[in-house]
């Protein structure tokens, strides 16, 4: 598995918040739910997304925006329009002065807005759970990225638009997987762009020396790697690999390996019921204690606390 495939293997929506929003101008919605990640696919009309302390960016029909939390931001038909609606943690919907709006804005199954026939239509998918998107993926993204509709195949948006309003058995699972697929498709296209400001490890993937080392680490992160072994397999000296790796990736090989192992441990904690000992062995730590120490040092929380936190919404 290459570094990009490994990174994009992370999104796992569980009970994601999805809806079709239909709005008539003037409209403006303040988002302060602090969710880790949100996708906005514009179906009809234009919208402006304005992250706090950043410029407004227009999103037109066919465009998809990805907003990384916990930043607060505003989505509006016109950036000069003052917010009329505020979305709080847990997707609680109020006026700016705190009056509840959830019932008033409810237009039916996963339909929401101020007018069922409004000119602006968008699909919104929000990852509500901390851990549903790995920290490595979030760290690789800007606060806001917009993929223009003419730069990729947006058929998944069409499919999501058909499915999002259905009320059938198992529909939440279907929508979770569609959201994951849409996010992966958008990010894969975005990362391939020369102006994407992709992370160092992505750019280094094509380097003749660092690229093979990265692929070896991702192929078998549990192996007891050393810089010397990586350098030998890559056909360069230990010093040459260490220097080139740090320059292109932004951190030494063993620090990168630690981050990779802990990201995989977090995925296993999220996706499986494996014991901590089993998780430790699978990602290259000899004992649960060793994994726990590294996990808490790097992520600021114990593996057990991390796993418990996955059952609680973000915010």
Protein backbone atom coordinates (compact mmCIF):
# COMPACT_ATOMS: atom_id res chain seq x y z
CA UNK A 1 0.00 0.00 0.00
CA UNK A 2 1.42 3.40 -0.96
CA UNK A 3 1.31 6.43 1.32
CA UNK A 4 -1.68 8.05 -0.37
CA UNK A 5 -3.70 4.83 -0.40
CA UNK A 6 -2.85 4.30 3.25
CA UNK A 7 -3.94 7.82 4.12
CA UNK A 8 -7.21 7.63 2.19
CA UNK A 9 -8.03 4.26 3.73
CA UNK A 10 -8.76 6.12 6.94
CA UNK A 11 -12.22 7.76 6.55
CA UNK A 12 -14.91 5.65 8.23
CA UNK A 13 -18.16 7.54 8.72
CA UNK A 14 -20.46 6.15 11.40
CA UNK A 15 -23.82 7.83 11.72
CA UNK A 16 -22.60 10.84 9.76
CA UNK A 17 -24.87 13.87 9.52
CA UNK A 18 -26.17 14.20 5.95
CA UNK A 19 -28.86 16.42 4.50
CA UNK A 20 -30.06 18.24 1.40
CA UNK A 21 -30.34 21.97 2.09
CA UNK A 22 -32.70 24.16 0.06
CA UNK A 23 -32.59 27.89 0.66
CA UNK A 24 -34.00 31.11 -0.73
CA UNK A 25 -32.07 34.38 -0.48
CA UNK A 26 -31.13 36.20 1.52
CA UNK A 27 -29.68 33.32 3.52
CA UNK A 28 -26.64 32.84 5.73
CA UNK A 29 -25.78 29.96 8.07
CA UNK A 30 -23.14 30.15 10.78
CA UNK A 31 -21.43 26.76 11.39
CA UNK A 32 -19.83 26.34 14.79
CA UNK A 33 -20.43 22.63 15.40
CA UNK A 34 -16.64 22.02 15.54
CA UNK A 35 -17.05 18.74 13.63
CA UNK A 36 -13.72 17.34 12.36
CA UNK A 37 -14.66 17.48 8.67
CA UNK A 38 -17.56 18.62 6.50
CA UNK A 39 -18.24 18.26 2.76
CA UNK A 40 -20.50 20.69 0.92
CA UNK A 41 -21.51 19.76 -2.64
CA UNK A 42 -23.22 22.62 -4.47
CA UNK A 43 -26.05 21.39 -6.70
CA UNK A 44 -27.73 24.64 -7.74
CA UNK A 45 -26.94 28.34 -7.44
CA UNK A 46 -23.82 29.75 -5.72
CA UNK A 47 -22.70 29.94 -2.11
CA UNK A 48 -19.85 31.65 -0.30
CA UNK A 49 -17.90 29.87 2.44
CA UNK A 50 -16.03 32.12 4.84
CA UNK A 51 -13.83 30.47 7.50
CA UNK A 52 -13.09 32.63 10.52
CA UNK A 53 -10.08 34.87 9.91
CA UNK A 54 -9.92 33.92 6.22
CA UNK A 55 -11.33 35.14 2.93
CA UNK A 56 -14.67 34.13 1.43
CA UNK A 57 -14.53 31.48 -1.33
CA UNK A 58 -17.30 31.02 -3.90
CA UNK A 59 -18.70 27.53 -4.48
CA UNK A 60 -20.72 27.03 -7.66
CA UNK A 61 -22.85 24.24 -9.12
CA UNK A 62 -20.82 21.03 -9.35
CA UNK A 63 -18.15 22.24 -6.93
CA UNK A 64 -17.36 20.39 -3.71
CA UNK A 65 -15.88 22.10 -0.65
CA UNK A 66 -14.15 20.34 2.23
CA UNK A 67 -13.95 22.25 5.52
CA UNK A 68 -11.65 21.00 8.28
CA UNK A 69 -12.76 21.50 11.86
CA UNK A 70 -12.83 22.70 14.51
CA UNK A 71 -12.79 26.06 12.72
CA UNK A 72 -16.03 28.06 12.69
CA UNK A 73 -17.26 29.33 9.34
CA UNK A 74 -20.22 30.85 7.52
CA UNK A 75 -21.99 29.58 4.41
CA UNK A 76 -24.13 32.22 2.68
CA UNK A 77 -25.71 33.16 -0.61
CA UNK A 78 -23.96 36.52 -0.24
CA UNK A 79 -20.97 36.99 2.10
CA UNK A 80 -22.42 40.35 3.17
CA UNK A 81 -25.58 38.71 4.58
CA UNK A 82 -25.61 38.40 8.36
CA UNK A 83 -26.19 34.86 9.70
CA UNK A 84 -29.83 33.99 10.41
CA UNK A 85 -29.10 30.43 11.53
CA UNK A 86 -26.39 28.99 13.81
CA UNK A 87 -25.43 25.30 13.84
CA UNK A 88 -24.04 24.25 17.23
CA UNK A 89 -22.29 21.02 18.35
CA UNK A 90 -24.58 18.04 17.96
CA UNK A 91 -26.19 19.80 14.95
CA UNK A 92 -28.42 21.89 17.22
CA UNK A 93 -29.97 24.64 15.08
CA UNK A 94 -30.89 28.07 16.49
CA UNK A 95 -31.19 31.72 15.61
CA UNK A 96 -28.18 33.89 16.55
CA UNK A 97 -29.99 34.83 19.79
CA UNK A 98 -30.58 31.19 20.73
CA UNK A 99 -34.17 30.47 19.62
CA UNK A 100 -34.58 26.84 18.47
CA UNK A 101 -35.06 26.42 14.72
CA UNK A 102 -34.81 22.66 14.17
CA UNK A 103 -38.54 22.10 13.64
CA UNK A 104 -38.96 25.25 11.58
CA UNK A 105 -36.16 24.32 9.16
CA UNK A 106 -37.17 20.65 8.83
CA UNK A 107 -38.45 20.00 5.29
CA UNK A 108 -38.76 16.21 5.47
CA UNK A 109 -36.40 13.23 5.35
CA UNK A 110 -32.89 14.73 5.40
CA UNK A 111 -34.28 17.88 3.77
CA UNK A 112 -33.60 21.17 5.51
CA UNK A 113 -33.86 24.84 4.75
CA UNK A 114 -36.02 27.94 4.65
CA UNK A 115 -37.88 27.10 1.41
CA UNK A 116 -38.53 23.69 -0.21
CA UNK A 117 -38.43 25.43 -3.60
CA UNK A 118 -35.41 27.62 -2.84
CA UNK A 119 -32.95 28.53 -5.57
CA UNK A 120 -29.88 27.31 -3.67
CA UNK A 121 -29.49 23.55 -3.24
CA UNK A 122 -26.53 21.82 -1.61
CA UNK A 123 -25.68 18.41 -0.18
CA UNK A 124 -23.96 18.45 3.21
CA UNK A 125 -22.10 15.57 4.82
CA UNK A 126 -20.50 15.99 8.23
CA UNK A 127 -18.21 13.59 10.05
CA UNK A 128 -19.43 14.02 13.61
CA UNK A 129 -17.19 11.52 15.39
CA UNK A 130 -13.67 12.29 16.49
CA UNK A 131 -11.61 9.48 15.04
CA UNK A 132 -13.84 8.96 11.98
CA UNK A 133 -11.13 10.75 10.02
CA UNK A 134 -7.55 10.12 11.11
CA UNK A 135 -5.44 12.97 12.43
CA UNK A 136 -2.87 12.28 9.69
CA UNK A 137 -5.50 13.01 7.06
CA UNK A 138 -6.77 16.12 8.83
CA UNK A 139 -3.22 17.41 9.25
CA UNK A 140 -2.67 17.06 5.49
CA UNK A 141 -5.61 19.33 4.62
CA UNK A 142 -6.03 23.09 4.55
CA UNK A 143 -8.86 24.69 6.50
CA UNK A 144 -10.88 24.94 3.28
CA UNK A 145 -10.36 23.34 -0.11
CA UNK A 146 -12.68 23.64 -3.10
CA UNK A 147 -12.66 21.19 -5.98
CA UNK A 148 -14.23 22.75 -9.07
CA UNK A 149 -16.87 20.76 -10.88
CA UNK A 150 -15.07 20.87 -14.23
CA UNK A 151 -11.92 19.26 -12.81
CA UNK A 152 -13.28 15.85 -11.85
CA UNK A 153 -16.03 13.29 -12.37
CA UNK A 154 -18.79 14.31 -9.98
CA UNK A 155 -21.04 11.28 -10.51
CA UNK A 156 -20.81 10.40 -6.81
CA UNK A 157 -22.48 13.71 -5.97
CA UNK A 158 -25.39 12.78 -8.24
CA UNK A 159 -25.67 9.38 -6.58
CA UNK A 160 -25.53 10.90 -3.09
CA UNK A 161 -28.22 13.38 -4.10
CA UNK A 162 -30.55 10.53 -5.05
CA UNK A 163 -29.85 8.50 -1.92
CA UNK A 164 -29.79 11.24 0.70
CA UNK A 165 -33.57 11.76 0.72
CA UNK A 166 -34.50 8.06 0.83
CA UNK A 167 -35.88 6.46 3.97
CA UNK A 168 -35.18 2.76 3.51
CA UNK A 169 -33.77 -0.01 5.71
CA UNK A 170 -30.01 0.35 6.13
CA UNK A 171 -30.01 3.80 4.57
CA UNK A 172 -27.67 5.31 7.17
CA UNK A 173 -25.00 2.74 6.33
CA UNK A 174 -25.42 3.39 2.59
CA UNK A 175 -25.03 7.12 3.14
CA UNK A 176 -21.99 6.67 5.40
CA UNK A 177 -20.21 4.67 2.71
CA UNK A 178 -21.17 7.13 -0.03
CA UNK A 179 -19.80 9.97 2.06
CA UNK A 180 -16.52 8.09 2.51
CA UNK A 181 -16.28 7.41 -1.23
CA UNK A 182 -17.02 11.03 -2.07
CA UNK A 183 -14.38 12.31 0.35
CA UNK A 184 -11.77 9.88 -1.01
CA UNK A 185 -12.57 10.80 -4.63
CA UNK A 186 -12.35 14.53 -3.89
CA UNK A 187 -9.07 14.26 -1.98
CA UNK A 188 -7.43 11.96 -4.50
CA UNK A 189 -8.17 14.50 -7.23
CA UNK A 190 -7.13 17.44 -5.07
CA UNK A 191 -3.82 15.86 -3.98
CA UNK A 192 -2.88 15.28 -7.62
CA UNK A 193 -3.04 19.00 -8.45
CA UNK A 194 0.25 20.91 -8.61
CA UNK A 195 -1.22 23.80 -6.60
CA UNK A 196 -2.66 21.59 -3.85
CA UNK A 197 0.17 22.23 -1.37
CA UNK A 198 0.23 18.51 -0.70
CA UNK A 199 2.12 17.36 2.41
CA UNK A 200 5.80 16.53 2.22
CA UNK A 201 5.30 12.78 2.36
CA UNK A 202 3.05 12.98 -0.73
CA UNK A 203 5.54 15.00 -2.77
CA UNK A 204 8.38 12.74 -1.59
CA UNK A 205 6.57 9.65 -2.84
CA UNK A 206 8.01 10.21 -6.33
CA UNK A 207 11.59 10.68 -5.15
CA UNK A 208 13.90 7.82 -6.28
CA UNK A 209 15.40 7.46 -2.80
CA UNK A 210 12.72 8.50 -0.32
CA UNK A 211 9.83 7.08 -2.35
CA UNK A 212 10.95 3.44 -1.97
CA UNK A 213 11.62 3.98 1.74
CA UNK A 214 8.11 5.34 2.24
CA UNK A 215 6.59 2.41 0.38
CA UNK A 216 8.53 -0.04 2.53
CA UNK A 217 7.32 1.62 5.73
CA UNK A 218 3.71 1.63 4.59
CA UNK A 219 3.86 -1.94 3.31
CA UNK A 220 4.95 -3.32 6.69
CA UNK A 221 4.90 -0.76 9.52
CA UNK A 222 5.14 -3.53 12.13
CA UNK A 223 8.59 -4.58 10.88
CA UNK A 224 11.41 -3.52 13.26
CA UNK A 225 12.77 -0.97 10.81
CA UNK A 226 16.02 0.93 11.27
CA UNK A 227 17.38 3.74 9.17
CA UNK A 228 20.29 1.48 8.25
CA UNK A 229 18.01 -1.23 6.87
CA UNK A 230 15.89 1.26 4.93
CA UNK A 231 19.01 2.85 3.47
CA UNK A 232 20.46 -0.53 2.49
CA UNK A 233 17.30 -1.55 0.68
CA UNK A 234 17.11 1.85 -1.03
CA UNK A 235 20.74 1.56 -2.14
CA UNK A 236 22.09 4.65 -0.37
CA UNK A 237 24.04 5.40 2.77
CA UNK A 238 22.31 5.79 6.12
CA UNK A 239 23.29 9.47 6.34
CA UNK A 240 22.09 10.18 2.79
CA UNK A 241 18.67 8.62 3.42
CA UNK A 242 18.23 10.34 6.78
CA UNK A 243 19.10 13.75 5.37
CA UNK A 244 17.01 13.42 2.21
CA UNK A 245 14.04 11.94 4.06
CA UNK A 246 13.97 14.74 6.63
CA UNK A 247 14.30 17.40 3.94
CA UNK A 248 11.49 16.09 1.73
CA UNK A 249 9.09 14.65 4.29
CA UNK A 250 9.73 17.14 7.07
CA UNK A 251 10.67 14.67 9.80
CA UNK A 252 13.19 11.82 10.29
CA UNK A 253 12.31 8.29 9.09
CA UNK A 254 11.76 6.87 12.57
CA UNK A 255 9.52 9.77 13.62
CA UNK A 256 7.47 9.24 10.48
CA UNK A 257 7.24 5.52 11.29
CA UNK A 258 6.00 6.32 14.80
CA UNK A 259 3.26 8.52 13.40
CA UNK A 260 2.30 5.84 10.89
CA UNK A 261 2.12 3.13 13.55
CA UNK A 262 0.03 5.27 15.89
CA UNK A 263 -2.34 6.23 13.07
CA UNK A 264 -2.85 2.55 12.30
CA UNK A 265 -3.31 1.81 16.00
CA UNK A 266 -6.00 4.51 16.15
CA UNK A 267 -7.73 2.94 13.13
CA UNK A 268 -7.69 -0.49 14.80
CA UNK A 269 -9.06 0.94 18.03
CA UNK A 270 -11.84 2.59 16.06
CA UNK A 271 -12.71 -0.26 13.72
CA UNK A 272 -12.14 -3.41 15.78
CA UNK A 273 -12.63 -4.85 19.22
CA UNK A 274 -9.05 -6.11 19.31
CA UNK A 275 -7.31 -6.01 22.67
CA UNK A 276 -4.61 -3.45 23.24
CA UNK A 277 -2.01 -6.23 23.21
CA UNK A 278 -3.24 -7.40 19.80
CA UNK A 279 -3.24 -3.85 18.43
CA UNK A 280 0.29 -3.29 19.74
CA UNK A 281 1.60 -6.39 18.00
CA UNK A 282 -0.08 -5.53 14.72
CA UNK A 283 1.51 -2.07 14.52
CA UNK A 284 5.00 -2.97 15.69
CA UNK A 285 5.02 -2.44 19.46
CA UNK A 286 6.17 -5.31 21.64
CA UNK A 287 3.74 -4.67 24.47
CA UNK A 288 0.52 -2.85 25.23
CA UNK A 289 2.46 -0.69 27.69
CA UNK A 290 4.88 0.44 24.97
CA UNK A 291 2.00 1.34 22.67
CA UNK A 292 0.12 3.13 25.45
CA UNK A 293 3.16 5.22 26.34
CA UNK A 294 3.77 6.26 22.72
CA UNK A 295 0.07 6.86 22.07
CA UNK A 296 -0.36 9.11 25.08
CA UNK A 297 2.91 10.95 24.40
CA UNK A 298 2.02 11.73 20.78
CA UNK A 299 -1.78 12.06 20.94
CA UNK A 300 -2.25 13.28 24.49
CA UNK A 301 -4.71 10.55 25.45
CA UNK A 302 -4.46 6.87 26.33
CA UNK A 303 -5.67 4.26 23.81
CA UNK A 304 -8.52 3.32 26.14
CA UNK A 305 -9.66 6.92 26.51
CA UNK A 306 -9.38 7.35 22.73
CA UNK A 307 -11.56 4.29 22.10
CA UNK A 308 -14.14 5.44 24.65
CA UNK A 309 -14.26 8.90 23.06
CA UNK A 310 -15.26 7.47 19.67
CA UNK A 311 -18.74 6.78 20.98
CA UNK A 312 -19.32 10.46 21.75
CA UNK A 313 -20.06 13.14 19.15
CA UNK A 314 -17.49 15.81 18.43
CA UNK A 315 -17.84 19.07 20.35
